[in-house]
Amino acid sequence: MRYTLAFVAALSCLVPRAISADDWQPPNLVQNPGFEEAAADGKPVGWGNYVTVADVAHAGQRSLFYENADPKRYVLCSQKIALTPGKAYEVSVWVKTEGIAGDESGATLCLEWYGADGKYLGGYYPAGFKGTNDWQRLTGVSGRVAKGAVNCSVLCYLREGITGKAWWDDVEVRQWRRPPLDTLLTRPAYRGEILPETKQLEVFARLDLQDWDLGLRQVALRTELHRRDTGEVVRSVVRTPPGEETTLKLPTKGLAPGRYDLRISAERKRDGLELESESWPVSVPDPATLAGRKSFIDGHNRLLIDGERFFPLGMYWGGITEEDLKLYADSPFNCLMPYGAPDQAQMDLAQRYGLKVIYSVKDVYFGSAYCPAEVKSVRMSAPTSRRRPRPSAITPRCSPGTSTTSCRRSTCPAWKPTSSGCRNSTPATRRGSCSGK
């Protein structure tokens, strides 16, 4: 199911806007997190091995400090904390570095958990900072603490092999809750366009309530369609989820042309508290504009070119030569997708042999690995994509002679995916315990 959903999401060319209405604020489990309390020997109360200094601090008056000149020396500064098996934790710390060098993870912190018998059961080890830098914030979310963990710690440290000076301040370890709702717009599957043959909107919804102390019968799923310009609710359905995964549906009959937001929310039944919501942009195009389209994907997920159904069948190419095209044209294939960007002459050559080119526009977006040097911003991406060669191209519908886009990562000039569109990051994987076990 995971791979199928990822493919459908690529065709949608959309990302949801996630909103959390819950104001849950878990406590910081770290004692003396700002290192303001120091013993007579300068060591921070509740911590071990490193010392505090009063001349450098991110906030308050003091910070934790450690200097290491011997790459074979390995000293940790730890504090025992109460972590609950089965729960995940969000960590945060401010770090300042001076001359941090070595092959390992730099100045950082980690979480570790052990069983009652002292056996290492796991941990979380985010990469730290190297070089010379002013205060930077390190954040991350751990995996779930292993069952049977009873001895847990948070550690600030320079791993073995790292030399230099480092300061730590304002350490936080708070219980993290996985957002309870994940959704995916599955119909319409192409850019959220509600076409005449689209009878209903369909959204795949998955609930994960393990961090919320709620059962499925205690939660309701609300599906609403809002007009983008006025916020008016034009369709609404509330239901109890039949299982952790379900498909939500809304009829589309009678919707006027325009832009809409399809909003799905998870609510706690006993008081109506909204736990989280996601919103998908959808639209009903003006019927007059549909007739003039050179190519588009219809409500049945079929590619239409000049009003005729077209099924792209081809393969990746390293380049385009006439000799190869002659051989290729005498086959069932009707299109090709070069790894590079074909020029106008190559596009014309493909058209001469009755072949279409799947022309990927994703690489003209600012920030992508192969973006042209002349594209200096996201704003410049759209006009650059529209200047790509046209004849026989299969590209997004924003080009007059176009039909579809690369399914490796479907994009369009009106939309550019960024890291801010991602709700969660995958927790870092374990690289080995701080203690070397």
Protein backbone atom coordinates (compact mmCIF):
# COMPACT_ATOMS: atom_id res chain seq x y z
CA MET A 1 0.00 0.00 0.00
CA ARG A 2 2.81 2.42 0.85
CA TYR A 3 4.35 2.29 -2.64
CA THR A 4 0.95 2.55 -4.35
CA LEU A 5 0.10 5.66 -2.37
CA ALA A 6 3.44 7.24 -3.16
CA PHE A 7 2.82 6.76 -6.89
CA VAL A 8 -0.69 8.23 -6.72
CA ALA A 9 0.67 11.19 -4.76
CA ALA A 10 3.19 11.87 -7.50
CA LEU A 11 0.40 12.02 -10.07
CA SER A 12 -1.61 14.38 -7.90
CA CYS A 13 1.07 17.09 -7.98
CA LEU A 14 -0.29 18.22 -4.61
CA VAL A 15 0.72 18.22 -0.97
CA PRO A 16 -1.62 18.56 2.02
CA ARG A 17 -1.46 21.44 4.45
CA ALA A 18 -1.30 19.90 7.94
CA ILE A 19 -2.76 21.77 10.90
CA SER A 20 -2.73 20.68 14.54
CA ALA A 21 -5.30 22.24 16.82
CA ASP A 22 -4.14 20.42 19.94
CA ASP A 23 -2.10 22.51 22.40
CA TRP A 24 -0.52 19.61 24.28
CA GLN A 25 2.76 20.74 25.87
CA PRO A 26 4.74 17.88 27.43
CA PRO A 27 7.26 18.82 30.14
CA ASN A 28 11.00 18.96 29.63
CA LEU A 29 12.39 15.83 31.29
CA VAL A 30 15.88 17.30 31.74
CA GLN A 31 16.92 18.71 35.10
CA ASN A 32 19.10 21.82 35.06
CA PRO A 33 18.73 22.07 31.24
CA GLY A 34 20.41 25.47 31.02
CA PHE A 35 23.34 24.51 33.31
CA GLU A 36 22.63 27.50 35.56
CA GLU A 37 23.11 25.39 38.71
CA ALA A 38 26.78 24.54 39.26
CA ALA A 39 28.60 22.82 42.10
CA ALA A 40 31.69 24.24 43.77
CA ASP A 41 33.94 22.38 41.32
CA GLY A 42 32.14 23.99 38.36
CA LYS A 43 30.34 20.82 37.27
CA PRO A 44 26.64 21.23 36.48
CA VAL A 45 24.20 19.89 39.06
CA GLY A 46 22.57 16.71 37.76
CA TRP A 47 25.22 16.15 35.10
CA GLY A 48 28.70 14.63 35.12
CA ASN A 49 32.28 15.12 33.82
CA TYR A 50 32.06 18.43 31.89
CA VAL A 51 32.11 21.87 33.51
CA THR A 52 30.01 25.01 33.26
CA VAL A 53 31.34 28.42 32.22
CA ALA A 54 29.91 31.87 32.91
CA ASP A 55 31.50 33.76 30.02
CA VAL A 56 29.54 32.02 27.21
CA ALA A 57 25.81 31.23 27.15
CA HIS A 58 22.98 30.97 24.68
CA ALA A 59 20.46 32.01 27.35
CA GLY A 60 20.85 32.79 31.01
CA GLN A 61 24.32 33.10 32.53
CA ARG A 62 26.05 29.76 32.00
CA SER A 63 26.57 26.92 29.53
CA LEU A 64 28.18 23.47 29.49
CA PHE A 65 31.76 23.42 28.15
CA TYR A 66 34.22 20.74 27.05
CA GLU A 67 37.57 20.90 25.25
CA ASN A 68 39.33 17.86 23.83
CA ALA A 69 42.85 17.86 22.31
CA ASP A 70 43.35 14.08 22.24
CA PRO A 71 41.33 12.21 19.54
CA LYS A 72 41.70 8.99 21.57
CA ARG A 73 40.08 10.54 24.62
CA TYR A 74 36.38 9.82 25.04
CA VAL A 75 34.48 11.53 27.86
CA LEU A 76 30.70 11.86 28.10
CA CYS A 77 28.46 14.20 30.07
CA SER A 78 25.24 12.41 30.97
CA GLN A 79 22.07 12.69 33.02
CA LYS A 80 19.60 9.94 33.82
CA ILE A 81 16.04 10.72 32.67
CA ALA A 82 12.72 8.90 32.82
CA LEU A 83 11.73 7.66 29.36
CA THR A 84 8.67 5.48 28.80
CA PRO A 85 9.02 2.31 26.69
CA GLY A 86 6.97 2.54 23.52
CA LYS A 87 7.15 6.34 23.40
CA ALA A 88 9.27 8.56 21.13
CA TYR A 89 11.00 11.76 22.21
CA GLU A 90 11.84 15.07 20.65
CA VAL A 91 15.28 16.41 21.55
CA SER A 92 16.69 19.90 21.25
CA VAL A 93 19.93 21.61 22.27
CA TRP A 94 21.86 24.75 21.34
CA VAL A 95 25.50 24.10 20.41
CA LYS A 96 28.45 26.46 19.86
CA THR A 97 31.71 25.11 18.40
CA GLU A 98 35.30 26.19 17.92
CA GLY A 99 37.71 24.13 15.82
CA ILE A 100 35.68 20.93 16.03
CA ALA A 101 37.36 18.42 13.69
CA GLY A 102 37.36 14.66 13.04
CA ASP A 103 35.56 11.97 11.11
CA GLU A 104 32.78 11.38 13.60
CA SER A 105 29.53 13.22 14.37
CA GLY A 106 30.86 16.46 15.87
CA ALA A 107 29.46 18.20 18.95
CA THR A 108 26.06 16.68 19.62
CA LEU A 109 23.80 14.93 22.10
CA CYS A 110 22.06 11.56 22.20
CA LEU A 111 19.57 9.42 24.07
CA GLU A 112 20.32 5.87 25.23
CA TRP A 113 18.28 3.20 26.95
CA TYR A 114 19.32 -0.03 28.71
CA GLY A 115 17.53 -2.98 30.30
CA ALA A 116 17.54 -3.91 33.98
CA ASP A 117 20.46 -6.27 33.30
CA GLY A 118 22.54 -3.45 31.82
CA LYS A 119 22.08 -4.65 28.24
CA TYR A 120 22.06 -1.91 25.63
CA LEU A 121 18.60 -1.76 23.98
CA GLY A 122 18.89 1.26 21.71
CA GLY A 123 19.32 4.97 21.36
CA TYR A 124 19.02 8.04 19.19
CA TYR A 125 22.16 9.67 17.72
CA PRO A 126 21.61 12.82 15.64
CA ALA A 127 24.60 14.21 13.75
CA GLY A 128 26.22 17.19 15.42
CA PHE A 129 28.15 20.28 14.36
CA LYS A 130 31.77 20.69 13.27
CA GLY A 131 34.07 23.61 12.55
CA THR A 132 33.75 27.00 14.21
CA ASN A 133 30.20 28.27 14.55
CA ASP A 134 28.10 30.48 16.77
CA TRP A 135 25.07 28.99 18.50
CA GLN A 136 23.11 26.53 16.35
CA ARG A 137 20.07 24.53 17.36
CA LEU A 138 20.12 20.76 16.96
CA THR A 139 16.70 19.07 16.94
CA GLY A 140 15.33 15.64 16.15
CA VAL A 141 12.84 12.91 17.04
CA SER A 142 13.95 9.55 18.39
CA GLY A 143 12.57 6.17 17.55
CA ARG A 144 10.35 4.51 20.14
CA VAL A 145 12.05 3.45 23.35
CA ALA A 146 12.48 -0.30 23.50
CA LYS A 147 10.29 -2.50 25.66
CA GLY A 148 12.05 -3.34 28.92
CA ALA A 149 14.14 -0.14 29.01
CA VAL A 150 14.61 1.02 32.60
CA ASN A 151 17.95 2.87 32.56
CA CYS A 152 17.77 5.86 30.22
CA SER A 153 20.07 8.85 29.75
CA VAL A 154 20.58 12.03 27.77
CA LEU A 155 24.23 12.76 26.89
CA CYS A 156 26.13 15.77 25.59
CA TYR A 157 29.42 14.68 24.05
CA LEU A 158 32.25 14.76 21.56
CA ARG A 159 32.58 11.27 20.14
CA GLU A 160 35.95 9.53 20.12
CA GLY A 161 38.10 10.93 17.29
CA ILE A 162 36.69 14.47 17.64
CA THR A 163 38.82 17.36 18.89
CA GLY A 164 38.09 21.02 19.59
CA LYS A 165 35.93 23.12 21.89
CA ALA A 166 32.17 22.90 22.33
CA TRP A 167 29.47 24.54 24.42
CA TRP A 168 25.93 23.21 25.05
CA ASP A 169 22.91 25.08 26.42
CA ASP A 170 19.15 24.74 26.85
CA VAL A 171 18.79 20.96 26.52
CA GLU A 172 15.26 19.67 26.03
CA VAL A 173 13.84 16.14 25.93
CA ARG A 174 10.05 16.02 25.57
CA GLN A 175 7.68 13.20 24.76
CA TRP A 176 6.69 13.31 21.09
CA ARG A 177 3.34 12.33 19.68
CA ARG A 178 3.02 11.08 16.14
CA PRO A 179 0.38 13.16 14.34
CA PRO A 180 -2.78 11.05 14.44
CA LEU A 181 -3.96 11.67 10.88
CA ASP A 182 -2.43 10.95 7.47
CA THR A 183 -4.44 11.55 4.32
CA LEU A 184 -3.99 11.19 0.59
CA LEU A 185 -6.25 12.58 -2.12
CA THR A 186 -6.88 9.64 -4.46
CA ARG A 187 -9.70 11.04 -6.61
CA PRO A 188 -9.24 13.17 -8.56
CA ALA A 189 -5.72 11.80 -8.96
CA TYR A 190 -4.43 14.52 -11.28
CA ARG A 191 -3.77 17.98 -9.81
CA GLY A 192 -6.99 17.97 -7.85
CA GLU A 193 -9.08 18.78 -10.93
CA ILE A 194 -12.75 17.86 -10.63
CA LEU A 195 -13.79 17.08 -14.20
CA PRO A 196 -17.32 16.33 -15.50
CA GLU A 197 -16.77 12.56 -15.14
CA THR A 198 -15.54 12.93 -11.54
CA LYS A 199 -18.57 11.83 -9.51
CA GLN A 200 -17.01 12.08 -6.06
CA LEU A 201 -13.94 13.12 -4.14
CA GLU A 202 -12.07 10.28 -2.44
CA VAL A 203 -9.46 10.58 0.28
CA PHE A 204 -7.51 7.73 1.83
CA ALA A 205 -7.18 8.35 5.58
CA ARG A 206 -5.01 6.55 8.12
CA LEU A 207 -5.30 7.04 11.88
CA ASP A 208 -2.46 6.37 14.33
CA LEU A 209 -3.74 6.89 17.88
CA GLN A 210 -1.07 5.04 19.87
CA ASP A 211 0.25 8.30 21.38
CA TRP A 212 -3.18 9.79 22.09
CA ASP A 213 -4.76 7.33 24.55
CA LEU A 214 -7.83 7.10 22.33
CA GLY A 215 -9.65 4.27 20.56
CA LEU A 216 -11.23 4.40 17.13
CA ARG A 217 -14.74 4.66 18.61
CA GLN A 218 -13.68 7.78 20.50
CA VAL A 219 -12.69 9.65 17.34
CA ALA A 220 -14.69 11.14 14.47
CA LEU A 221 -13.47 12.00 10.98
CA ARG A 222 -14.92 15.17 9.48
CA THR A 223 -14.68 15.78 5.72
CA GLU A 224 -15.54 19.27 4.45
CA LEU A 225 -15.27 21.08 1.15
CA HIS A 226 -14.71 24.85 1.44
CA ARG A 227 -14.84 27.49 -1.25
CA ARG A 228 -11.36 29.00 -1.42
CA ASP A 229 -12.54 32.59 -1.87
CA THR A 230 -15.24 32.76 0.81
CA GLY A 231 -14.50 29.82 3.15
CA GLU A 232 -18.12 28.66 2.75
CA VAL A 233 -18.65 24.96 3.54
CA VAL A 234 -20.45 23.45 0.54
CA ARG A 235 -20.14 19.75 1.45
CA SER A 236 -19.73 18.10 4.86
CA VAL A 237 -19.73 14.52 6.21
CA VAL A 238 -18.87 13.26 9.72
CA ARG A 239 -18.30 9.58 10.42
CA THR A 240 -16.77 7.21 12.94
CA PRO A 241 -13.77 5.48 11.34
CA PRO A 242 -14.47 1.78 10.71
CA GLY A 243 -10.77 0.96 11.09
CA GLU A 244 -7.32 2.49 11.17
CA GLU A 245 -7.52 2.93 7.39
CA THR A 246 -10.58 4.10 5.48
CA THR A 247 -11.66 5.94 2.34
CA LEU A 248 -13.65 9.16 2.79
CA LYS A 249 -16.00 10.31 0.01
CA LEU A 250 -17.82 13.51 -0.93
CA PRO A 251 -20.15 13.93 -3.94
CA THR A 252 -19.18 16.54 -6.53
CA LYS A 253 -22.45 16.95 -8.42
CA GLY A 254 -23.49 20.57 -8.82
CA LEU A 255 -20.19 22.18 -7.82
CA ALA A 256 -19.64 25.52 -9.52
CA PRO A 257 -16.33 26.25 -11.30
CA GLY A 258 -13.72 27.60 -8.92
CA ARG A 259 -11.12 26.69 -6.34
CA TYR A 260 -11.87 24.71 -3.20
CA ASP A 261 -10.13 23.25 -0.15
CA LEU A 262 -10.95 19.70 0.88
CA ARG A 263 -10.41 19.57 4.63
CA ILE A 264 -10.21 16.36 6.66
CA SER A 265 -10.01 16.51 10.45
CA ALA A 266 -9.78 14.05 13.32
CA GLU A 267 -11.84 15.08 16.34
CA ARG A 268 -12.20 13.75 19.87
CA LYS A 269 -15.87 12.89 20.28
CA ARG A 270 -16.33 13.70 23.94
CA ASP A 271 -15.59 17.40 23.57
CA GLY A 272 -15.18 18.04 19.84
CA LEU A 273 -11.48 18.87 20.20
CA GLU A 274 -9.77 18.81 16.81
CA LEU A 275 -6.66 16.66 17.08
CA GLU A 276 -5.36 17.45 13.61
CA SER A 277 -6.52 18.36 10.13
CA GLU A 278 -5.16 18.22 6.60
CA SER A 279 -6.33 20.23 3.63
CA TRP A 280 -6.06 19.37 -0.07
CA PRO A 281 -6.55 22.02 -2.79
CA VAL A 282 -9.01 20.99 -5.52
CA SER A 283 -10.69 22.88 -8.33
CA VAL A 284 -13.51 22.70 -10.84
CA PRO A 285 -12.25 24.08 -14.18
CA ASP A 286 -14.42 26.22 -16.42
CA PRO A 287 -15.96 23.85 -19.03
CA ALA A 288 -15.05 26.33 -21.77
CA THR A 289 -11.34 25.89 -21.02
CA LEU A 290 -11.47 22.08 -21.24
CA ALA A 291 -12.41 22.08 -24.90
CA GLY A 292 -9.32 24.10 -25.77
CA ARG A 293 -6.81 21.89 -24.03
CA LYS A 294 -4.25 20.22 -26.25
CA SER A 295 -3.70 17.47 -23.72
CA PHE A 296 -4.72 16.54 -20.17
CA ILE A 297 -5.49 13.60 -17.90
CA ASP A 298 -9.22 12.98 -17.54
CA GLY A 299 -11.31 11.84 -14.59
CA HIS A 300 -10.61 8.19 -15.43
CA ASN A 301 -6.82 8.83 -15.25
CA ARG A 302 -6.47 8.53 -19.03
CA LEU A 303 -4.09 10.75 -20.97
CA LEU A 304 -5.89 12.55 -23.80
CA ILE A 305 -4.06 14.24 -26.68
CA ASP A 306 -6.14 16.15 -29.23
CA GLY A 307 -9.19 14.47 -27.71
CA GLU A 308 -7.82 10.95 -28.29
CA ARG A 309 -6.65 8.53 -25.64
CA PHE A 310 -2.89 8.04 -25.57
CA PHE A 311 -1.07 5.41 -23.50
CA PRO A 312 2.63 6.35 -23.09
CA LEU A 313 4.84 3.33 -23.66
CA GLY A 314 8.60 3.83 -23.72
CA MET A 315 11.89 3.72 -21.88
CA TYR A 316 14.69 5.91 -20.58
CA TRP A 317 17.27 7.12 -23.08
CA GLY A 318 20.82 8.37 -22.59
CA GLY A 319 20.58 10.65 -25.65
CA ILE A 320 18.76 11.06 -28.96
CA THR A 321 20.28 10.10 -32.32
CA GLU A 322 18.55 9.54 -35.66
CA GLU A 323 19.99 6.04 -36.00
CA ASP A 324 18.49 5.00 -32.68
CA LEU A 325 15.18 6.67 -33.48
CA LYS A 326 14.84 4.75 -36.76
CA LEU A 327 15.17 1.45 -34.89
CA TYR A 328 12.97 2.60 -32.00
CA ALA A 329 10.18 3.84 -34.28
CA ASP A 330 9.86 0.35 -35.75
CA SER A 331 8.62 -1.01 -32.41
CA PRO A 332 5.52 -0.84 -30.17
CA PHE A 333 7.05 2.09 -28.26
CA ASN A 334 5.50 5.52 -28.83
CA CYS A 335 7.59 7.75 -26.55
CA LEU A 336 10.96 8.06 -24.86
CA MET A 337 12.38 9.80 -21.82
CA PRO A 338 15.97 11.05 -22.09
CA TYR A 339 17.99 11.50 -18.93
CA GLY A 340 19.31 14.78 -20.27
CA ALA A 341 17.41 17.76 -21.66
CA PRO A 342 16.97 17.28 -25.43
CA ASP A 343 17.42 20.38 -27.58
CA GLN A 344 15.01 21.68 -30.19
CA ALA A 345 16.66 19.75 -33.05
CA GLN A 346 16.36 16.46 -31.14
CA MET A 347 12.71 17.17 -30.31
CA ASP A 348 11.97 17.85 -33.99
CA LEU A 349 13.78 14.64 -34.95
CA ALA A 350 11.61 12.61 -32.56
CA GLN A 351 8.50 14.21 -33.98
CA ARG A 352 9.60 13.34 -37.52
CA TYR A 353 9.60 9.65 -36.55
CA GLY A 354 6.19 9.88 -34.87
CA LEU A 355 7.57 9.64 -31.34
CA LYS A 356 6.79 11.75 -28.30
CA VAL A 357 9.31 12.79 -25.67
CA ILE A 358 8.52 12.73 -21.97
CA TYR A 359 10.23 15.99 -21.10
CA SER A 360 10.96 16.28 -17.39
CA VAL A 361 10.53 19.84 -16.11
CA LYS A 362 11.34 19.00 -12.50
CA ASP A 363 15.01 19.82 -12.96
CA VAL A 364 14.32 23.46 -13.84
CA TYR A 365 13.03 24.16 -10.35
CA PHE A 366 15.21 26.27 -8.09
CA GLY A 367 16.93 24.10 -5.50
CA SER A 368 16.84 20.84 -7.47
CA ALA A 369 20.11 19.04 -8.13
CA TYR A 370 20.26 19.77 -11.88
CA CYS A 371 18.62 23.18 -11.95
CA PRO A 372 20.18 25.46 -14.60
CA ALA A 373 22.55 28.08 -13.19
CA GLU A 374 20.47 30.91 -14.63
CA VAL A 375 17.49 29.98 -12.42
CA LYS A 376 18.15 31.99 -9.25
CA SER A 377 14.80 31.66 -7.44
CA VAL A 378 11.52 29.70 -7.27
CA ARG A 379 9.84 32.61 -9.07
CA MET A 380 12.13 32.07 -12.07
CA SER A 381 11.29 28.36 -12.33
CA ALA A 382 7.93 28.69 -14.10
CA PRO A 383 9.03 30.90 -17.02
CA THR A 384 12.15 28.76 -17.45
CA SER A 385 10.06 25.59 -17.77
CA ARG A 386 7.83 27.22 -20.35
CA ARG A 387 10.86 28.03 -22.51
CA ARG A 388 11.72 24.33 -22.88
CA PRO A 389 11.39 22.87 -26.42
CA ARG A 390 7.76 22.19 -27.38
CA PRO A 391 7.15 19.98 -30.46
CA SER A 392 6.27 16.35 -29.64
CA ALA A 393 6.91 16.97 -25.95
CA ILE A 394 4.92 15.24 -23.26
CA THR A 395 5.16 17.72 -20.38
CA PRO A 396 2.72 19.35 -17.92
CA ARG A 397 -0.40 20.99 -19.33
CA CYS A 398 1.02 24.49 -18.81
CA SER A 399 2.73 24.06 -22.20
CA PRO A 400 0.51 24.42 -25.31
CA GLY A 401 1.62 21.18 -26.99
CA THR A 402 1.76 19.06 -23.91
CA SER A 403 0.21 16.03 -22.30
CA THR A 404 1.78 14.65 -19.11
CA THR A 405 4.87 14.79 -16.92
CA SER A 406 7.61 12.60 -15.55
CA CYS A 407 6.18 10.31 -12.90
CA ARG A 408 9.50 10.20 -11.09
CA ARG A 409 8.34 13.29 -9.21
CA SER A 410 5.43 15.06 -10.82
CA THR A 411 5.65 18.83 -10.61
CA CYS A 412 4.17 21.80 -12.39
CA PRO A 413 5.31 25.44 -12.72
CA ALA A 414 2.55 26.57 -10.39
CA TRP A 415 3.86 24.41 -7.55
CA LYS A 416 7.27 23.64 -6.10
CA PRO A 417 7.69 21.10 -3.28
CA THR A 418 9.92 22.30 -0.45
CA SER A 419 11.10 20.87 2.83
CA SER A 420 8.48 22.96 4.66
CA GLY A 421 5.80 20.85 2.99
CA CYS A 422 6.99 17.79 4.92
CA ARG A 423 5.25 17.30 8.22
CA ASN A 424 7.68 14.82 9.75
CA SER A 425 11.23 13.71 9.20
CA THR A 426 12.32 10.09 9.37
CA PRO A 427 14.15 9.54 12.67
CA ALA A 428 17.87 9.10 12.31
CA THR A 429 19.11 5.54 12.54
CA ARG A 430 21.38 4.25 15.23
CA ARG A 431 25.10 4.53 14.58
CA GLY A 432 26.22 2.74 17.74
CA SER A 433 25.91 3.65 21.38
CA CYS A 434 27.90 6.51 22.91
CA SER A 435 29.37 4.04 25.35
CA GLY A 436 30.59 1.84 22.52
CA LYS A 437 28.35 -1.08 23.38
